[in-house]
Amino acid sequence: MPREPADLLPLTPAMFHVLVCLAAGDRHGYRILKEVEARTHGAVSLSTGTLYGIIKRLLDEGLAVEVPSDDERRRAYRLTPFGRAVARAEADRLEQLVSTARSVRLLPTRAKGRT
């Protein structure tokens, strides 16, 4: 029976951040750690143990695959089409939550023309 992306939701924030990094292209572990920290302005700082636990789950669930790396000392990872679908489903879910918060004025509405 085929799995649906929604079957894996909600994702942990850490897992979502890793998927976002992989959505931008192939990455090795250290680069993922640094990108998550940079993208969140230091608000999220993954330990290596947390990161590699997430990567193991991504590989086991078919969300990512290991790919050849330019540096033979490092392993690189790529998002699979199913992994991209899961990341997109989680982004949609989060967007709906933010929309709900805006609808009751917990957050300001977006200015028109702003992305």
N, C-alpha and C. Protein backbone atom coordinates (compact mmCIF):
# COMPACT_ATOMS: atom_id res chain seq x y z
N MET A 1 0.85 -1.19 0.00
CA MET A 1 0.00 0.00 0.00
C MET A 1 0.89 1.24 0.00
N PRO A 2 0.71 2.15 -0.97
CA PRO A 2 1.54 3.35 -1.04
C PRO A 2 1.28 4.27 0.15
N ARG A 3 2.36 4.87 0.63
CA ARG A 3 2.23 5.83 1.73
C ARG A 3 1.91 7.21 1.19
N GLU A 4 1.21 7.95 2.00
CA GLU A 4 0.90 9.34 1.68
C GLU A 4 1.80 10.23 2.52
N PRO A 5 2.24 11.37 1.99
CA PRO A 5 3.07 12.28 2.78
C PRO A 5 2.44 12.64 4.13
N ALA A 6 1.13 12.82 4.15
CA ALA A 6 0.44 13.20 5.39
C ALA A 6 0.59 12.14 6.48
N ASP A 7 0.88 10.89 6.08
CA ASP A 7 1.05 9.83 7.08
C ASP A 7 2.24 10.09 7.99
N LEU A 8 3.19 10.90 7.56
CA LEU A 8 4.39 11.16 8.35
C LEU A 8 4.33 12.49 9.12
N LEU A 9 3.22 13.19 9.00
CA LEU A 9 3.08 14.49 9.67
C LEU A 9 2.42 14.34 11.02
N PRO A 10 2.69 15.26 11.94
CA PRO A 10 3.60 16.40 11.81
C PRO A 10 5.05 15.96 11.99
N LEU A 11 5.94 16.73 11.39
CA LEU A 11 7.37 16.50 11.55
C LEU A 11 7.87 17.29 12.75
N THR A 12 8.96 16.85 13.32
CA THR A 12 9.60 17.67 14.35
C THR A 12 10.19 18.89 13.64
N PRO A 13 10.33 20.00 14.35
CA PRO A 13 10.97 21.17 13.73
C PRO A 13 12.37 20.83 13.20
N ALA A 14 13.14 20.05 13.94
CA ALA A 14 14.49 19.71 13.50
C ALA A 14 14.45 18.93 12.18
N MET A 15 13.55 17.97 12.08
CA MET A 15 13.45 17.18 10.86
C MET A 15 13.03 18.07 9.69
N PHE A 16 12.10 18.97 9.93
CA PHE A 16 11.66 19.87 8.86
C PHE A 16 12.83 20.74 8.38
N HIS A 17 13.62 21.25 9.30
CA HIS A 17 14.77 22.07 8.91
C HIS A 17 15.76 21.28 8.07
N VAL A 18 15.99 20.03 8.40
CA VAL A 18 16.89 19.19 7.61
C VAL A 18 16.31 18.97 6.22
N LEU A 19 15.01 18.70 6.12
CA LEU A 19 14.38 18.52 4.81
C LEU A 19 14.48 19.80 3.97
N VAL A 20 14.32 20.95 4.61
CA VAL A 20 14.43 22.22 3.89
C VAL A 20 15.83 22.37 3.31
N CYS A 21 16.84 22.03 4.09
CA CYS A 21 18.22 22.09 3.58
C CYS A 21 18.40 21.17 2.39
N LEU A 22 17.90 19.95 2.49
CA LEU A 22 18.05 18.99 1.40
C LEU A 22 17.22 19.40 0.18
N ALA A 23 16.13 20.13 0.38
CA ALA A 23 15.33 20.59 -0.75
C ALA A 23 16.13 21.56 -1.62
N ALA A 24 17.14 22.20 -1.04
CA ALA A 24 17.98 23.13 -1.79
C ALA A 24 19.06 22.41 -2.58
N GLY A 25 19.28 21.12 -2.32
CA GLY A 25 20.28 20.36 -3.06
C GLY A 25 21.00 19.37 -2.16
N ASP A 26 21.86 18.58 -2.76
CA ASP A 26 22.62 17.58 -2.01
C ASP A 26 23.46 18.26 -0.94
N ARG A 27 23.51 17.63 0.24
CA ARG A 27 24.26 18.20 1.36
C ARG A 27 24.92 17.09 2.15
N HIS A 28 26.05 17.40 2.75
CA HIS A 28 26.66 16.49 3.71
C HIS A 28 26.30 17.00 5.11
N GLY A 29 26.51 16.16 6.10
CA GLY A 29 26.06 16.46 7.45
C GLY A 29 26.51 17.78 8.01
N TYR A 30 27.82 18.08 7.92
CA TYR A 30 28.33 19.33 8.49
C TYR A 30 27.66 20.54 7.83
N ARG A 31 27.48 20.47 6.52
CA ARG A 31 26.83 21.58 5.82
C ARG A 31 25.38 21.75 6.28
N ILE A 32 24.69 20.63 6.51
CA ILE A 32 23.31 20.72 7.02
C ILE A 32 23.31 21.42 8.38
N LEU A 33 24.22 21.01 9.27
CA LEU A 33 24.29 21.64 10.60
C LEU A 33 24.46 23.15 10.47
N LYS A 34 25.39 23.57 9.63
CA LYS A 34 25.68 24.99 9.48
C LYS A 34 24.54 25.74 8.81
N GLU A 35 23.89 25.13 7.82
CA GLU A 35 22.78 25.80 7.14
C GLU A 35 21.57 25.97 8.04
N VAL A 36 21.27 24.94 8.83
CA VAL A 36 20.13 25.07 9.75
C VAL A 36 20.39 26.21 10.73
N GLU A 37 21.59 26.26 11.26
CA GLU A 37 21.93 27.32 12.20
C GLU A 37 21.83 28.69 11.53
N ALA A 38 22.34 28.81 10.30
CA ALA A 38 22.30 30.08 9.58
C ALA A 38 20.87 30.48 9.21
N ARG A 39 20.08 29.52 8.70
CA ARG A 39 18.71 29.82 8.28
C ARG A 39 17.83 30.26 9.45
N THR A 40 18.15 29.76 10.64
CA THR A 40 17.33 30.10 11.82
C THR A 40 17.98 31.18 12.67
N HIS A 41 19.05 31.78 12.15
CA HIS A 41 19.78 32.84 12.87
C HIS A 41 20.19 32.36 14.26
N GLY A 42 20.60 31.09 14.34
CA GLY A 42 21.09 30.53 15.59
C GLY A 42 20.03 30.00 16.53
N ALA A 43 18.76 30.15 16.16
CA ALA A 43 17.67 29.69 17.04
C ALA A 43 17.64 28.16 17.12
N VAL A 44 18.06 27.49 16.04
CA VAL A 44 18.11 26.03 16.02
C VAL A 44 19.55 25.63 15.76
N SER A 45 20.10 24.87 16.69
CA SER A 45 21.46 24.38 16.55
C SER A 45 21.42 22.88 16.83
N LEU A 46 21.54 22.08 15.79
CA LEU A 46 21.43 20.63 15.93
C LEU A 46 22.76 20.04 16.41
N SER A 47 22.68 19.09 17.31
CA SER A 47 23.88 18.34 17.68
C SER A 47 24.12 17.30 16.58
N THR A 48 25.33 16.80 16.50
CA THR A 48 25.61 15.78 15.49
C THR A 48 24.78 14.53 15.74
N GLY A 49 24.57 14.19 17.01
CA GLY A 49 23.75 13.02 17.33
C GLY A 49 22.32 13.17 16.85
N THR A 50 21.75 14.35 17.06
CA THR A 50 20.38 14.63 16.60
C THR A 50 20.33 14.57 15.07
N LEU A 51 21.29 15.23 14.43
CA LEU A 51 21.30 15.25 12.97
C LEU A 51 21.39 13.85 12.39
N TYR A 52 22.32 13.04 12.87
CA TYR A 52 22.48 11.72 12.27
C TYR A 52 21.33 10.78 12.64
N GLY A 53 20.65 11.02 13.74
CA GLY A 53 19.42 10.29 14.04
C GLY A 53 18.34 10.64 13.03
N ILE A 54 18.24 11.93 12.70
CA ILE A 54 17.27 12.38 11.70
C ILE A 54 17.62 11.80 10.33
N ILE A 55 18.89 11.86 9.96
CA ILE A 55 19.30 11.33 8.66
C ILE A 55 19.00 9.83 8.57
N LYS A 56 19.25 9.10 9.63
CA LYS A 56 18.93 7.66 9.64
C LYS A 56 17.44 7.46 9.39
N ARG A 57 16.61 8.25 10.05
CA ARG A 57 15.16 8.12 9.85
C ARG A 57 14.78 8.49 8.42
N LEU A 58 15.37 9.56 7.89
CA LEU A 58 15.07 9.96 6.51
C LEU A 58 15.42 8.85 5.52
N LEU A 59 16.56 8.20 5.74
CA LEU A 59 16.96 7.10 4.87
C LEU A 59 16.02 5.91 5.04
N ASP A 60 15.70 5.56 6.30
CA ASP A 60 14.82 4.42 6.57
C ASP A 60 13.41 4.62 6.00
N GLU A 61 12.93 5.87 6.04
CA GLU A 61 11.57 6.18 5.56
C GLU A 61 11.52 6.44 4.05
N GLY A 62 12.68 6.45 3.40
CA GLY A 62 12.71 6.71 1.96
C GLY A 62 12.56 8.17 1.60
N LEU A 63 12.86 9.06 2.54
CA LEU A 63 12.75 10.49 2.27
C LEU A 63 14.04 11.05 1.68
N ALA A 64 15.14 10.36 1.91
CA ALA A 64 16.44 10.78 1.41
C ALA A 64 17.25 9.54 1.03
N VAL A 65 18.26 9.76 0.21
CA VAL A 65 19.19 8.70 -0.17
C VAL A 65 20.60 9.25 -0.03
N GLU A 66 21.54 8.33 0.17
CA GLU A 66 22.94 8.72 0.19
C GLU A 66 23.42 8.81 -1.25
N VAL A 67 24.22 9.83 -1.53
CA VAL A 67 24.76 10.03 -2.88
C VAL A 67 26.27 10.23 -2.80
N PRO A 68 26.97 10.02 -3.91
CA PRO A 68 28.42 10.25 -3.90
C PRO A 68 28.73 11.71 -3.53
N SER A 69 29.81 11.89 -2.82
CA SER A 69 30.23 13.22 -2.39
C SER A 69 31.54 13.60 -3.06
N ASP A 70 31.79 14.91 -3.21
CA ASP A 70 33.07 15.39 -3.76
C ASP A 70 34.21 15.01 -2.81
N ASP A 71 33.88 14.91 -1.54
CA ASP A 71 34.86 14.61 -0.51
C ASP A 71 34.61 13.19 -0.01
N GLU A 72 35.52 12.29 -0.32
CA GLU A 72 35.30 10.88 0.03
C GLU A 72 35.22 10.64 1.54
N ARG A 73 35.61 11.63 2.35
CA ARG A 73 35.52 11.48 3.81
C ARG A 73 34.11 11.78 4.32
N ARG A 74 33.28 12.36 3.49
CA ARG A 74 31.94 12.77 3.93
C ARG A 74 30.87 12.08 3.10
N ARG A 75 29.76 11.81 3.76
CA ARG A 75 28.60 11.25 3.06
C ARG A 75 27.66 12.39 2.73
N ALA A 76 27.10 12.35 1.54
CA ALA A 76 26.15 13.37 1.12
C ALA A 76 24.77 12.73 0.97
N TYR A 77 23.75 13.56 1.08
CA TYR A 77 22.37 13.07 1.05
C TYR A 77 21.55 13.90 0.09
N ARG A 78 20.55 13.24 -0.51
CA ARG A 78 19.66 13.88 -1.48
C ARG A 78 18.22 13.56 -1.09
N LEU A 79 17.37 14.54 -1.22
CA LEU A 79 15.94 14.35 -1.00
C LEU A 79 15.37 13.51 -2.13
N THR A 80 14.52 12.56 -1.80
CA THR A 80 13.82 11.78 -2.82
C THR A 80 12.54 12.54 -3.21
N PRO A 81 11.90 12.16 -4.29
CA PRO A 81 10.61 12.79 -4.62
C PRO A 81 9.60 12.65 -3.48
N PHE A 82 9.58 11.50 -2.81
CA PHE A 82 8.67 11.34 -1.67
C PHE A 82 9.08 12.26 -0.53
N GLY A 83 10.38 12.41 -0.30
CA GLY A 83 10.86 13.33 0.74
C GLY A 83 10.44 14.76 0.45
N ARG A 84 10.53 15.16 -0.82
CA ARG A 84 10.09 16.51 -1.20
C ARG A 84 8.58 16.67 -0.98
N ALA A 85 7.82 15.64 -1.29
CA ALA A 85 6.37 15.69 -1.07
C ALA A 85 6.04 15.81 0.42
N VAL A 86 6.79 15.10 1.26
CA VAL A 86 6.57 15.19 2.72
C VAL A 86 6.93 16.60 3.20
N ALA A 87 8.05 17.13 2.75
CA ALA A 87 8.46 18.48 3.15
C ALA A 87 7.41 19.51 2.71
N ARG A 88 6.91 19.35 1.50
CA ARG A 88 5.88 20.27 0.99
C ARG A 88 4.59 20.15 1.81
N ALA A 89 4.21 18.93 2.14
CA ALA A 89 3.00 18.72 2.95
C ALA A 89 3.15 19.37 4.33
N GLU A 90 4.33 19.26 4.91
CA GLU A 90 4.57 19.89 6.22
C GLU A 90 4.56 21.41 6.09
N ALA A 91 5.15 21.95 5.03
CA ALA A 91 5.12 23.39 4.81
C ALA A 91 3.68 23.88 4.64
N ASP A 92 2.87 23.13 3.91
CA ASP A 92 1.45 23.48 3.75
C ASP A 92 0.74 23.46 5.10
N ARG A 93 1.03 22.44 5.91
CA ARG A 93 0.40 22.32 7.23
C ARG A 93 0.77 23.52 8.10
N LEU A 94 2.05 23.88 8.07
CA LEU A 94 2.50 25.03 8.87
C LEU A 94 1.88 26.33 8.37
N GLU A 95 1.78 26.45 7.04
CA GLU A 95 1.16 27.64 6.46
C GLU A 95 -0.30 27.77 6.91
N GLN A 96 -1.01 26.66 6.98
CA GLN A 96 -2.40 26.69 7.44
C GLN A 96 -2.48 27.13 8.90
N LEU A 97 -1.53 26.69 9.72
CA LEU A 97 -1.50 27.11 11.13
C LEU A 97 -1.28 28.62 11.24
N VAL A 98 -0.36 29.14 10.45
CA VAL A 98 -0.10 30.58 10.47
C VAL A 98 -1.31 31.34 9.97
N SER A 99 -1.97 30.82 8.95
CA SER A 99 -3.18 31.47 8.43
C SER A 99 -4.27 31.53 9.51
N THR A 100 -4.40 30.45 10.27
CA THR A 100 -5.38 30.44 11.36
C THR A 100 -5.02 31.48 12.41
N ALA A 101 -3.74 31.58 12.75
CA ALA A 101 -3.31 32.58 13.72
C ALA A 101 -3.59 34.00 13.21
N ARG A 102 -3.39 34.23 11.92
CA ARG A 102 -3.70 35.54 11.35
C ARG A 102 -5.20 35.83 11.37
N SER A 103 -5.99 34.79 11.17
CA SER A 103 -7.44 34.99 11.10
C SER A 103 -8.02 35.46 12.44
N VAL A 104 -7.34 35.19 13.52
CA VAL A 104 -7.81 35.65 14.84
C VAL A 104 -6.90 36.74 15.39
N ARG A 105 -6.11 37.33 14.50
CA ARG A 105 -5.25 38.48 14.80
C ARG A 105 -4.15 38.20 15.82
N LEU A 106 -3.70 36.94 15.87
CA LEU A 106 -2.51 36.66 16.67
C LEU A 106 -1.25 37.14 15.96
N LEU A 107 -1.32 37.17 14.63
CA LEU A 107 -0.24 37.68 13.79
C LEU A 107 -0.82 38.71 12.85
N PRO A 108 -0.02 39.70 12.45
CA PRO A 108 -0.53 40.67 11.48
C PRO A 108 -0.73 40.01 10.13
N THR A 109 -1.66 40.55 9.36
CA THR A 109 -1.84 40.05 8.00
C THR A 109 -0.69 40.55 7.15
N ARG A 110 -0.38 39.82 6.10
CA ARG A 110 0.71 40.22 5.21
C ARG A 110 0.31 41.40 4.39
N ALA A 111 1.29 42.27 4.13
CA ALA A 111 1.07 43.40 3.23
C ALA A 111 0.94 42.85 1.82
N LYS A 112 0.06 43.44 1.02
CA LYS A 112 -0.14 42.96 -0.36
C LYS A 112 1.13 43.19 -1.16
N GLY A 113 1.42 42.22 -2.05
CA GLY A 113 2.59 42.31 -2.90
C GLY A 113 3.86 41.82 -2.22
N ARG A 114 3.77 41.46 -0.97
CA ARG A 114 4.92 40.97 -0.22
C ARG A 114 4.95 39.45 -0.27
N THR A 115 6.13 38.86 -0.46
CA THR A 115 6.23 37.40 -0.49
C THR A 115 7.04 36.89 0.64
